[in-house]
Structures are given as structure tokens and as C-alpha cells.
């Protein structure tokens, strides 16, 4: 499979994961907190769906960034010519990814 097709598939999967995270979050907050089920599933099942779709979304986001690393690097090289400052920015971005990823590991 070529890179373009792979990228499109990753982007579509990210869109689906975002929709599931958003939809399940809404259901957890508005529908299930009243003790009502939706599609025969209660709050616990929707919470599990919400958590796992979030984990998948973060994983796909990391893959997406890896696929576009040349573009990301080119952007920062152009706009932050100082290499030391650019590495600090990269370190901050890595820290943000870890902050977003590590809590999910406690749900696995």
C-alpha cells in the first residue's frame, strides 16, 4: 500500500475515533447519568467505549505525526532557525504526547 492510501486510512480512522469519543462522551454525560440506557448499553459500557476509542485516537495521532515528521520538521526549521530552541520545542511536544498517552495506560 502506498503512503497516500495509508495516510488517508489513518486520517479516516482518526475521524471515526474522534466521532466515537465525542458521541460516547455526550451519551455518558447527558443520557446515561439519568440511569437510561442507549442501544441497550449502560453507562459502564459507554465509558469503556469512550476510553478505548480515546486510546486508539491517541495512538493514531502518534502514527499521524510520525508519517508527517518531514513536514513538521520543515515547518519548525523554517520558523525556528535556532537549533537549540527547536530542540526545546520538540521536547515540549514530546512531553505533551506523553502527558496525553501515559494516563491511558492505567485503563488497559
PDB file of N, CA and C in Angstrom:
ATOM      1  N   UNK A   1       0.855  -1.172   0.000  1.00  0.00           N
ATOM      2  CA  UNK A   1       0.000   0.000   0.000  1.00  0.00           C
ATOM      3  C   UNK A   1       0.900   1.234   0.000  1.00  0.00           C
ATOM      4  N   UNK A   2       0.566   2.197  -0.860  1.00  0.00           N
ATOM      5  CA  UNK A   2       1.415   3.377  -0.917  1.00  0.00           C
ATOM      6  C   UNK A   2       1.131   4.330   0.244  1.00  0.00           C
ATOM      7  N   UNK A   3       2.012   5.303   0.398  1.00  0.00           N
ATOM      8  CA  UNK A   3       1.959   6.202   1.555  1.00  0.00           C
ATOM      9  C   UNK A   3       0.677   7.037   1.569  1.00  0.00           C
ATOM     10  N   UNK A   4       0.213   7.481   0.407  1.00  0.00           N
ATOM     11  CA  UNK A   4      -1.004   8.291   0.343  1.00  0.00           C
ATOM     12  C   UNK A   4      -2.217   7.512   0.837  1.00  0.00           C
ATOM     13  N   UNK A   5      -2.377   6.274   0.366  1.00  0.00           N
ATOM     14  CA  UNK A   5      -3.509   5.451   0.803  1.00  0.00           C
ATOM     15  C   UNK A   5      -3.437   5.175   2.305  1.00  0.00           C
ATOM     16  N   UNK A   6      -2.244   4.871   2.774  1.00  0.00           N
ATOM     17  CA  UNK A   6      -2.060   4.622   4.207  1.00  0.00           C
ATOM     18  C   UNK A   6      -2.434   5.857   5.015  1.00  0.00           C
ATOM     19  N   UNK A   7      -1.999   7.024   4.557  1.00  0.00           N
ATOM     20  CA  UNK A   7      -2.300   8.266   5.247  1.00  0.00           C
ATOM     21  C   UNK A   7      -3.805   8.546   5.258  1.00  0.00           C
ATOM     22  N   UNK A   8      -4.468   8.302   4.155  1.00  0.00           N
ATOM     23  CA  UNK A   8      -5.920   8.518   4.087  1.00  0.00           C
ATOM     24  C   UNK A   8      -6.642   7.581   5.049  1.00  0.00           C
ATOM     25  N   UNK A   9      -6.218   6.330   5.106  1.00  0.00           N
ATOM     26  CA  UNK A   9      -6.831   5.368   6.017  1.00  0.00           C
ATOM     27  C   UNK A   9      -6.635   5.803   7.470  1.00  0.00           C
ATOM     28  N   UNK A  10      -5.417   6.242   7.802  1.00  0.00           N
ATOM     29  CA  UNK A  10      -5.147   6.715   9.165  1.00  0.00           C
ATOM     30  C   UNK A  10      -6.030   7.918   9.489  1.00  0.00           C
ATOM     31  N   UNK A  11      -6.145   8.853   8.550  1.00  0.00           N
ATOM     32  CA  UNK A  11      -6.974  10.038   8.780  1.00  0.00           C
ATOM     33  C   UNK A  11      -8.446   9.679   8.962  1.00  0.00           C
ATOM     34  N   UNK A  12      -8.950   8.750   8.172  1.00  0.00           N
ATOM     35  CA  UNK A  12     -10.347   8.326   8.311  1.00  0.00           C
ATOM     36  C   UNK A  12     -10.564   7.638   9.652  1.00  0.00           C
ATOM     37  N   UNK A  13      -9.626   6.773  10.043  1.00  0.00           N
ATOM     38  CA  UNK A  13      -9.740   6.107  11.341  1.00  0.00           C
ATOM     39  C   UNK A  13      -9.692   7.110  12.489  1.00  0.00           C
ATOM     40  N   UNK A  14      -8.859   8.156  12.349  1.00  0.00           N
ATOM     41  CA  UNK A  14      -8.823   9.208  13.370  1.00  0.00           C
ATOM     42  C   UNK A  14     -10.164   9.932  13.444  1.00  0.00           C
ATOM     43  N   UNK A  15     -10.764  10.217  12.300  1.00  0.00           N
ATOM     44  CA  UNK A  15     -12.071  10.881  12.271  1.00  0.00           C
ATOM     45  C   UNK A  15     -13.135  10.017  12.940  1.00  0.00           C
ATOM     46  N   UNK A  16     -13.125   8.728  12.646  1.00  0.00           N
ATOM     47  CA  UNK A  16     -14.085   7.807  13.265  1.00  0.00           C
ATOM     48  C   UNK A  16     -13.862   7.756  14.780  1.00  0.00           C
ATOM     49  N   UNK A  17     -12.599   7.651  15.202  1.00  0.00           N
ATOM     50  CA  UNK A  17     -12.298   7.608  16.634  1.00  0.00           C
ATOM     51  C   UNK A  17     -12.739   8.891  17.325  1.00  0.00           C
ATOM     52  N   UNK A  18     -12.508  10.052  16.677  1.00  0.00           N
ATOM     53  CA  UNK A  18     -12.949  11.321  17.268  1.00  0.00           C
ATOM     54  C   UNK A  18     -14.469  11.371  17.395  1.00  0.00           C
ATOM     55  N   UNK A  19     -15.161  10.876  16.393  1.00  0.00           N
ATOM     56  CA  UNK A  19     -16.621  10.863  16.444  1.00  0.00           C
ATOM     57  C   UNK A  19     -17.119   9.957  17.570  1.00  0.00           C
ATOM     58  N   UNK A  20     -16.481   8.813  17.740  1.00  0.00           N
ATOM     59  CA  UNK A  20     -16.877   7.894  18.810  1.00  0.00           C
ATOM     60  C   UNK A  20     -16.580   8.501  20.179  1.00  0.00           C
ATOM     61  N   UNK A  21     -15.420   9.125  20.330  1.00  0.00           N
ATOM     62  CA  UNK A  21     -15.082   9.778  21.605  1.00  0.00           C
ATOM     63  C   UNK A  21     -16.113  10.867  21.909  1.00  0.00           C
ATOM     64  N   UNK A  22     -16.428  11.683  20.930  1.00  0.00           N
ATOM     65  CA  UNK A  22     -17.393  12.767  21.141  1.00  0.00           C
ATOM     66  C   UNK A  22     -18.781  12.229  21.446  1.00  0.00           C
ATOM     67  N   UNK A  23     -19.229  11.296  20.645  1.00  0.00           N
ATOM     68  CA  UNK A  23     -20.572  10.741  20.831  1.00  0.00           C
ATOM     69  C   UNK A  23     -20.722   9.991  22.142  1.00  0.00           C
ATOM     70  N   UNK A  24     -19.749   9.183  22.473  1.00  0.00           N
ATOM     71  CA  UNK A  24     -19.847   8.430  23.722  1.00  0.00           C
ATOM     72  C   UNK A  24     -19.721   9.355  24.924  1.00  0.00           C
ATOM     73  N   UNK A  25     -18.912  10.407  24.817  1.00  0.00           N
ATOM     74  CA  UNK A  25     -18.815  11.383  25.892  1.00  0.00           C
ATOM     75  C   UNK A  25     -20.145  12.078  26.132  1.00  0.00           C
ATOM     76  N   UNK A  26     -20.824  12.423  25.052  1.00  0.00           N
ATOM     77  CA  UNK A  26     -22.153  13.036  25.173  1.00  0.00           C
ATOM     78  C   UNK A  26     -23.136  12.069  25.828  1.00  0.00           C
ATOM     79  N   UNK A  27     -23.111  10.821  25.376  1.00  0.00           N
ATOM     80  CA  UNK A  27     -24.030   9.828  25.948  1.00  0.00           C
ATOM     81  C   UNK A  27     -23.766   9.611  27.426  1.00  0.00           C
ATOM     82  N   UNK A  28     -22.506   9.546  27.805  1.00  0.00           N
ATOM     83  CA  UNK A  28     -22.161   9.354  29.219  1.00  0.00           C
ATOM     84  C   UNK A  28     -22.686  10.519  30.044  1.00  0.00           C
ATOM     85  N   UNK A  29     -22.496  11.730  29.546  1.00  0.00           N
ATOM     86  CA  UNK A  29     -22.865  12.917  30.311  1.00  0.00           C
ATOM     87  C   UNK A  29     -24.367  13.171  30.326  1.00  0.00           C
ATOM     88  N   UNK A  30     -25.014  13.087  29.185  1.00  0.00           N
ATOM     89  CA  UNK A  30     -26.405  13.519  29.095  1.00  0.00           C
ATOM     90  C   UNK A  30     -27.441  12.404  29.227  1.00  0.00           C
ATOM     91  N   UNK A  31     -27.139  11.245  28.714  1.00  0.00           N
ATOM     92  CA  UNK A  31     -28.141  10.179  28.687  1.00  0.00           C
ATOM     93  C   UNK A  31     -27.959   9.221  29.849  1.00  0.00           C
ATOM     94  N   UNK A  32     -26.769   8.690  29.997  1.00  0.00           N
ATOM     95  CA  UNK A  32     -26.545   7.618  30.957  1.00  0.00           C
ATOM     96  C   UNK A  32     -26.536   8.097  32.402  1.00  0.00           C
ATOM     97  N   UNK A  33     -26.242   9.362  32.639  1.00  0.00           N
ATOM     98  CA  UNK A  33     -26.230   9.826  34.035  1.00  0.00           C
ATOM     99  C   UNK A  33     -27.634   9.846  34.627  1.00  0.00           C
ATOM    100  N   UNK A  34     -28.632   9.800  33.784  1.00  0.00           N
ATOM    101  CA  UNK A  34     -30.019   9.741  34.253  1.00  0.00           C
ATOM    102  C   UNK A  34     -30.478   8.305  34.500  1.00  0.00           C
ATOM    103  N   UNK A  35     -29.573   7.358  34.310  1.00  0.00           N
ATOM    104  CA  UNK A  35     -29.911   5.960  34.529  1.00  0.00           C
ATOM    105  C   UNK A  35     -30.579   5.303  33.336  1.00  0.00           C
ATOM    106  N   UNK A  36     -30.582   5.980  32.214  1.00  0.00           N
ATOM    107  CA  UNK A  36     -31.205   5.455  30.998  1.00  0.00           C
ATOM    108  C   UNK A  36     -30.134   4.758  30.166  1.00  0.00           C
ATOM    109  N   UNK A  37     -30.499   3.693  29.490  1.00  0.00           N
ATOM    110  CA  UNK A  37     -29.560   3.021  28.590  1.00  0.00           C
ATOM    111  C   UNK A  37     -29.772   3.543  27.178  1.00  0.00           C
ATOM    112  N   UNK A  38     -28.768   3.385  26.357  1.00  0.00           N
ATOM    113  CA  UNK A  38     -28.873   3.761  24.955  1.00  0.00           C
ATOM    114  C   UNK A  38     -28.346   2.602  24.135  1.00  0.00           C
ATOM    115  N   UNK A  39     -29.141   2.153  23.176  1.00  0.00           N
ATOM    116  CA  UNK A  39     -28.821   0.969  22.368  1.00  0.00           C
ATOM    117  C   UNK A  39     -28.585  -0.255  23.246  1.00  0.00           C
ATOM    118  N   UNK A  40     -29.273  -0.293  24.372  1.00  0.00           N
ATOM    119  CA  UNK A  40     -29.174  -1.421  25.282  1.00  0.00           C
ATOM    120  C   UNK A  40     -27.912  -1.446  26.125  1.00  0.00           C
ATOM    121  N   UNK A  41     -27.126  -0.366  26.079  1.00  0.00           N
ATOM    122  CA  UNK A  41     -25.876  -0.314  26.831  1.00  0.00           C
ATOM    123  C   UNK A  41     -25.953   0.804  27.858  1.00  0.00           C
ATOM    124  N   UNK A  42     -25.465   0.503  29.063  1.00  0.00           N
ATOM    125  CA  UNK A  42     -25.490   1.465  30.148  1.00  0.00           C
ATOM    126  C   UNK A  42     -24.219   2.296  30.212  1.00  0.00           C
ATOM    127  N   UNK A  43     -24.135   3.063  31.280  1.00  0.00           N
ATOM    128  CA  UNK A  43     -23.007   3.985  31.476  1.00  0.00           C
ATOM    129  C   UNK A  43     -21.662   3.276  31.460  1.00  0.00           C
ATOM    130  N   UNK A  44     -21.558   2.128  32.082  1.00  0.00           N
ATOM    131  CA  UNK A  44     -20.278   1.410  32.167  1.00  0.00           C
ATOM    132  C   UNK A  44     -19.761   1.011  30.783  1.00  0.00           C
ATOM    133  N   UNK A  45     -20.638   0.498  29.950  1.00  0.00           N
ATOM    134  CA  UNK A  45     -20.230   0.077  28.603  1.00  0.00           C
ATOM    135  C   UNK A  45     -19.826   1.297  27.777  1.00  0.00           C
ATOM    136  N   UNK A  46     -20.614   2.379  27.874  1.00  0.00           N
ATOM    137  CA  UNK A  46     -20.280   3.586  27.117  1.00  0.00           C
ATOM    138  C   UNK A  46     -18.974   4.209  27.611  1.00  0.00           C
ATOM    139  N   UNK A  47     -18.691   4.093  28.890  1.00  0.00           N
ATOM    140  CA  UNK A  47     -17.422   4.587  29.423  1.00  0.00           C
ATOM    141  C   UNK A  47     -16.259   3.778  28.855  1.00  0.00           C
ATOM    142  N   UNK A  48     -16.412   2.457  28.789  1.00  0.00           N
ATOM    143  CA  UNK A  48     -15.370   1.620  28.201  1.00  0.00           C
ATOM    144  C   UNK A  48     -15.145   1.968  26.724  1.00  0.00           C
ATOM    145  N   UNK A  49     -16.236   2.165  25.987  1.00  0.00           N
ATOM    146  CA  UNK A  49     -16.133   2.553  24.576  1.00  0.00           C
ATOM    147  C   UNK A  49     -15.406   3.891  24.463  1.00  0.00           C
ATOM    148  N   UNK A  50     -15.744   4.822  25.340  1.00  0.00           N
ATOM    149  CA  UNK A  50     -15.138   6.155  25.331  1.00  0.00           C
ATOM    150  C   UNK A  50     -13.633   6.067  25.602  1.00  0.00           C
ATOM    151  N   UNK A  51     -13.248   5.294  26.589  1.00  0.00           N
ATOM    152  CA  UNK A  51     -11.835   5.165  26.951  1.00  0.00           C
ATOM    153  C   UNK A  51     -11.044   4.490  25.826  1.00  0.00           C
ATOM    154  N   UNK A  52     -11.548   3.379  25.306  1.00  0.00           N
ATOM    155  CA  UNK A  52     -10.799   2.653  24.273  1.00  0.00           C
ATOM    156  C   UNK A  52     -10.718   3.427  22.966  1.00  0.00           C
ATOM    157  N   UNK A  53     -11.772   4.147  22.618  1.00  0.00           N
ATOM    158  CA  UNK A  53     -11.693   4.952  21.395  1.00  0.00           C
ATOM    159  C   UNK A  53     -10.713   6.108  21.597  1.00  0.00           C
ATOM    160  N   UNK A  54     -10.602   6.627  22.815  1.00  0.00           N
ATOM    161  CA  UNK A  54      -9.603   7.648  23.114  1.00  0.00           C
ATOM    162  C   UNK A  54      -8.188   7.113  22.995  1.00  0.00           C
ATOM    163  N   UNK A  55      -7.972   5.906  23.489  1.00  0.00           N
ATOM    164  CA  UNK A  55      -6.649   5.265  23.375  1.00  0.00           C
ATOM    165  C   UNK A  55      -6.287   5.077  21.905  1.00  0.00           C
ATOM    166  N   UNK A  56      -7.232   4.602  21.126  1.00  0.00           N
ATOM    167  CA  UNK A  56      -6.996   4.401  19.692  1.00  0.00           C
ATOM    168  C   UNK A  56      -6.708   5.731  19.009  1.00  0.00           C
ATOM    169  N   UNK A  57      -7.446   6.774  19.388  1.00  0.00           N
ATOM    170  CA  UNK A  57      -7.230   8.094  18.794  1.00  0.00           C
ATOM    171  C   UNK A  57      -5.827   8.620  19.086  1.00  0.00           C
ATOM    172  N   UNK A  58      -5.366   8.506  20.323  1.00  0.00           N
ATOM    173  CA  UNK A  58      -4.022   8.971  20.672  1.00  0.00           C
ATOM    174  C   UNK A  58      -2.965   8.161  19.918  1.00  0.00           C
ATOM    175  N   UNK A  59      -3.148   6.859  19.811  1.00  0.00           N
ATOM    176  CA  UNK A  59      -2.191   6.019  19.074  1.00  0.00           C
ATOM    177  C   UNK A  59      -2.149   6.421  17.599  1.00  0.00           C
ATOM    178  N   UNK A  60      -3.320   6.652  17.007  1.00  0.00           N
ATOM    179  CA  UNK A  60      -3.364   7.076  15.606  1.00  0.00           C
ATOM    180  C   UNK A  60      -2.753   8.462  15.424  1.00  0.00           C
ATOM    181  N   UNK A  61      -2.919   9.328  16.407  1.00  0.00           N
ATOM    182  CA  UNK A  61      -2.318  10.652  16.341  1.00  0.00           C
ATOM    183  C   UNK A  61      -0.793  10.556  16.316  1.00  0.00           C
ATOM    184  N   UNK A  62      -0.252   9.668  17.129  1.00  0.00           N
ATOM    185  CA  UNK A  62       1.203   9.468  17.137  1.00  0.00           C
ATOM    186  C   UNK A  62       1.672   8.938  15.784  1.00  0.00           C
ATOM    187  N   UNK A  63       0.950   7.981  15.227  1.00  0.00           N
ATOM    188  CA  UNK A  63       1.300   7.449  13.900  1.00  0.00           C
ATOM    189  C   UNK A  63       1.206   8.561  12.854  1.00  0.00           C
ATOM    190  N   UNK A  64       0.176   9.396  12.953  1.00  0.00           N
ATOM    191  CA  UNK A  64      -0.025  10.511  12.025  1.00  0.00           C
ATOM    192  C   UNK A  64       1.167  11.479  12.090  1.00  0.00           C
ATOM    193  N   UNK A  65       1.617  11.796  13.289  1.00  0.00           N
ATOM    194  CA  UNK A  65       2.762  12.695  13.442  1.00  0.00           C
ATOM    195  C   UNK A  65       4.027  12.059  12.855  1.00  0.00           C
ATOM    196  N   UNK A  66       4.215  10.771  13.092  1.00  0.00           N
ATOM    197  CA  UNK A  66       5.386  10.083  12.534  1.00  0.00           C
ATOM    198  C   UNK A  66       5.360  10.125  11.010  1.00  0.00           C
ATOM    199  N   UNK A  67       4.185   9.908  10.413  1.00  0.00           N
ATOM    200  CA  UNK A  67       4.056   9.945   8.958  1.00  0.00           C
ATOM    201  C   UNK A  67       4.349  11.331   8.391  1.00  0.00           C
ATOM    202  N   UNK A  68       4.068  12.370   9.150  1.00  0.00           N
ATOM    203  CA  UNK A  68       4.253  13.733   8.665  1.00  0.00           C
ATOM    204  C   UNK A  68       5.476  14.411   9.292  1.00  0.00           C
ATOM    205  N   UNK A  69       6.399  13.619   9.812  1.00  0.00           N
ATOM    206  CA  UNK A  69       7.530  14.197  10.526  1.00  0.00           C
ATOM    207  C   UNK A  69       8.359  15.129   9.650  1.00  0.00           C
ATOM    208  N   UNK A  70       8.550  14.812   8.378  1.00  0.00           N
ATOM    209  CA  UNK A  70       9.334  15.688   7.497  1.00  0.00           C
ATOM    210  C   UNK A  70       8.666  17.061   7.388  1.00  0.00           C
ATOM    211  N   UNK A  71       7.352  17.085   7.278  1.00  0.00           N
ATOM    212  CA  UNK A  71       6.645  18.364   7.204  1.00  0.00           C
ATOM    213  C   UNK A  71       6.739  19.126   8.515  1.00  0.00           C
ATOM    214  N   UNK A  72       6.569  18.425   9.623  1.00  0.00           N
ATOM    215  CA  UNK A  72       6.665  19.057  10.941  1.00  0.00           C
ATOM    216  C   UNK A  72       8.066  19.627  11.137  1.00  0.00           C
ATOM    217  N   UNK A  73       9.061  18.819  10.837  1.00  0.00           N
ATOM    218  CA  UNK A  73      10.439  19.257  10.992  1.00  0.00           C
ATOM    219  C   UNK A  73      10.746  20.442  10.071  1.00  0.00           C
ATOM    220  N   UNK A  74      10.273  20.397   8.840  1.00  0.00           N
ATOM    221  CA  UNK A  74      10.481  21.505   7.908  1.00  0.00           C
ATOM    222  C   UNK A  74       9.838  22.792   8.394  1.00  0.00           C
ATOM    223  N   UNK A  75       8.643  22.684   8.940  1.00  0.00           N
ATOM    224  CA  UNK A  75       7.947  23.858   9.473  1.00  0.00           C
ATOM    225  C   UNK A  75       8.749  24.492  10.599  1.00  0.00           C
ATOM    226  N   UNK A  76       9.174  23.674  11.559  1.00  0.00           N
ATOM    227  CA  UNK A  76       9.915  24.216  12.692  1.00  0.00           C
ATOM    228  C   UNK A  76      11.305  24.701  12.285  1.00  0.00           C
ATOM    229  N   UNK A  77      11.936  24.044  11.316  1.00  0.00           N
ATOM    230  CA  UNK A  77      13.240  24.502  10.841  1.00  0.00           C
ATOM    231  C   UNK A  77      13.111  25.877  10.196  1.00  0.00           C
ATOM    232  N   UNK A  78      12.043  26.081   9.451  1.00  0.00           N
ATOM    233  CA  UNK A  78      11.823  27.366   8.783  1.00  0.00           C
ATOM    234  C   UNK A  78      11.512  28.471   9.789  1.00  0.00           C
ATOM    235  N   UNK A  79      10.656  28.180  10.755  1.00  0.00           N
ATOM    236  CA  UNK A  79      10.181  29.211  11.666  1.00  0.00           C
ATOM    237  C   UNK A  79      11.019  29.359  12.935  1.00  0.00           C
ATOM    238  N   UNK A  80      11.821  28.344  13.264  1.00  0.00           N
ATOM    239  CA  UNK A  80      12.713  28.418  14.430  1.00  0.00           C
ATOM    240  C   UNK A  80      14.104  27.985  13.960  1.00  0.00           C
ATOM    241  N   UNK A  81      14.854  28.906  13.377  1.00  0.00           N
ATOM    242  CA  UNK A  81      16.161  28.521  12.824  1.00  0.00           C
ATOM    243  C   UNK A  81      17.189  28.128  13.889  1.00  0.00           C
ATOM    244  N   UNK A  82      17.038  28.598  15.109  1.00  0.00           N
ATOM    245  CA  UNK A  82      17.969  28.250  16.173  1.00  0.00           C
ATOM    246  C   UNK A  82      17.736  26.795  16.591  1.00  0.00           C
ATOM    247  N   UNK A  83      18.741  25.964  16.383  1.00  0.00           N
ATOM    248  CA  UNK A  83      18.605  24.526  16.635  1.00  0.00           C
ATOM    249  C   UNK A  83      18.303  24.215  18.103  1.00  0.00           C
ATOM    250  N   UNK A  84      18.935  24.902  19.025  1.00  0.00           N
ATOM    251  CA  UNK A  84      18.723  24.640  20.454  1.00  0.00           C
ATOM    252  C   UNK A  84      17.269  24.925  20.849  1.00  0.00           C
ATOM    253  N   UNK A  85      16.743  26.049  20.376  1.00  0.00           N
ATOM    254  CA  UNK A  85      15.353  26.384  20.688  1.00  0.00           C
ATOM    255  C   UNK A  85      14.410  25.373  20.038  1.00  0.00           C
ATOM    256  N   UNK A  86      14.739  24.969  18.812  1.00  0.00           N
ATOM    257  CA  UNK A  86      13.906  23.984  18.109  1.00  0.00           C
ATOM    258  C   UNK A  86      13.872  22.669  18.880  1.00  0.00           C
ATOM    259  N   UNK A  87      15.004  22.243  19.434  1.00  0.00           N
ATOM    260  CA  UNK A  87      15.027  21.007  20.226  1.00  0.00           C
ATOM    261  C   UNK A  87      14.217  21.148  21.508  1.00  0.00           C
ATOM    262  N   UNK A  88      14.205  22.333  22.086  1.00  0.00           N
ATOM    263  CA  UNK A  88      13.366  22.572  23.263  1.00  0.00           C
ATOM    264  C   UNK A  88      11.897  22.441  22.882  1.00  0.00           C
ATOM    265  N   UNK A  89      11.529  22.992  21.730  1.00  0.00           N
ATOM    266  CA  UNK A  89      10.141  22.871  21.254  1.00  0.00           C
ATOM    267  C   UNK A  89       9.796  21.406  21.014  1.00  0.00           C
ATOM    268  N   UNK A  90      10.701  20.658  20.389  1.00  0.00           N
ATOM    269  CA  UNK A  90      10.469  19.228  20.172  1.00  0.00           C
ATOM    270  C   UNK A  90      10.279  18.503  21.500  1.00  0.00           C
ATOM    271  N   UNK A  91      11.106  18.839  22.488  1.00  0.00           N
ATOM    272  CA  UNK A  91      10.994  18.209  23.806  1.00  0.00           C
ATOM    273  C   UNK A  91       9.637  18.530  24.444  1.00  0.00           C
ATOM    274  N   UNK A  92       9.187  19.765  24.296  1.00  0.00           N
ATOM    275  CA  UNK A  92       7.869  20.139  24.831  1.00  0.00           C
ATOM    276  C   UNK A  92       6.745  19.378  24.126  1.00  0.00           C
ATOM    277  N   UNK A  93       6.859  19.230  22.820  1.00  0.00           N
ATOM    278  CA  UNK A  93       5.841  18.467  22.081  1.00  0.00           C
ATOM    279  C   UNK A  93       5.845  16.998  22.512  1.00  0.00           C
ATOM    280  N   UNK A  94       7.025  16.432  22.700  1.00  0.00           N
ATOM    281  CA  UNK A  94       7.113  15.055  23.176  1.00  0.00           C
ATOM    282  C   UNK A  94       6.498  14.929  24.563  1.00  0.00           C
ATOM    283  N   UNK A  95       6.763  15.904  25.426  1.00  0.00           N
ATOM    284  CA  UNK A  95       6.172  15.895  26.770  1.00  0.00           C
ATOM    285  C   UNK A  95       4.648  15.944  26.694  1.00  0.00           C
ATOM    286  N   UNK A  96       4.108  16.742  25.776  1.00  0.00           N
ATOM    287  CA  UNK A  96       2.645  16.799  25.614  1.00  0.00           C
ATOM    288  C   UNK A  96       2.080  15.468  25.145  1.00  0.00           C
ATOM    289  N   UNK A  97       2.778  14.809  24.240  1.00  0.00           N
ATOM    290  CA  UNK A  97       2.321  13.498  23.777  1.00  0.00           C
ATOM    291  C   UNK A  97       2.344  12.497  24.925  1.00  0.00           C
ATOM    292  N   UNK A  98       3.390  12.525  25.720  1.00  0.00           N
ATOM    293  CA  UNK A  98       3.468  11.615  26.867  1.00  0.00           C
ATOM    294  C   UNK A  98       2.382  11.920  27.898  1.00  0.00           C
ATOM    295  N   UNK A  99       2.139  13.199  28.143  1.00  0.00           N
ATOM    296  CA  UNK A  99       1.082  13.577  29.084  1.00  0.00           C
ATOM    297  C   UNK A  99      -0.268  13.074  28.595  1.00  0.00           C
ATOM    298  N   UNK A 100      -0.470  13.127  27.289  1.00  0.00           N
ATOM    299  CA  UNK A 100      -1.738  12.649  26.730  1.00  0.00           C
ATOM    300  C   UNK A 100      -1.821  11.126  26.712  1.00  0.00           C
ATOM    301  N   UNK A 101      -0.679  10.443  26.612  1.00  0.00           N
ATOM    302  CA  UNK A 101      -0.675   8.989  26.437  1.00  0.00           C
ATOM    303  C   UNK A 101      -0.599   8.210  27.733  1.00  0.00           C
ATOM    304  N   UNK A 102       0.234   8.630  28.652  1.00  0.00           N
ATOM    305  CA  UNK A 102       0.511   7.844  29.853  1.00  0.00           C
ATOM    306  C   UNK A 102      -0.738   7.552  30.681  1.00  0.00           C
ATOM    307  N   UNK A 103      -1.630   8.524  30.927  1.00  0.00           N
ATOM    308  CA  UNK A 103      -2.816   8.189  31.731  1.00  0.00           C
ATOM    309  C   UNK A 103      -3.664   7.063  31.140  1.00  0.00           C
ATOM    310  N   UNK A 104      -3.660   6.946  29.813  1.00  0.00           N
ATOM    311  CA  UNK A 104      -4.454   5.901  29.176  1.00  0.00           C
ATOM    312  C   UNK A 104      -3.933   4.516  29.528  1.00  0.00           C
ATOM    313  N   UNK A 105      -2.664   4.412  29.822  1.00  0.00           N
ATOM    314  CA  UNK A 105      -2.081   3.108  30.131  1.00  0.00           C
ATOM    315  C   UNK A 105      -2.653   2.508  31.414  1.00  0.00           C
ATOM    316  N   UNK A 106      -3.162   3.346  32.290  1.00  0.00           N
ATOM    317  CA  UNK A 106      -3.739   2.854  33.542  1.00  0.00           C
ATOM    318  C   UNK A 106      -5.117   2.219  33.337  1.00  0.00           C
ATOM    319  N   UNK A 107      -5.732   2.429  32.162  1.00  0.00           N
ATOM    320  CA  UNK A 107      -7.040   1.856  31.870  1.00  0.00           C
ATOM    321  C   UNK A 107      -6.931   0.526  31.142  1.00  0.00           C
ATOM    322  N   UNK A 108      -5.735   0.208  30.683  1.00  0.00           N
ATOM    323  CA  UNK A 108      -5.565  -1.033  29.901  1.00  0.00           C
ATOM    324  C   UNK A 108      -5.539  -2.228  30.837  1.00  0.00           C
TER     325      UNK A 108
END
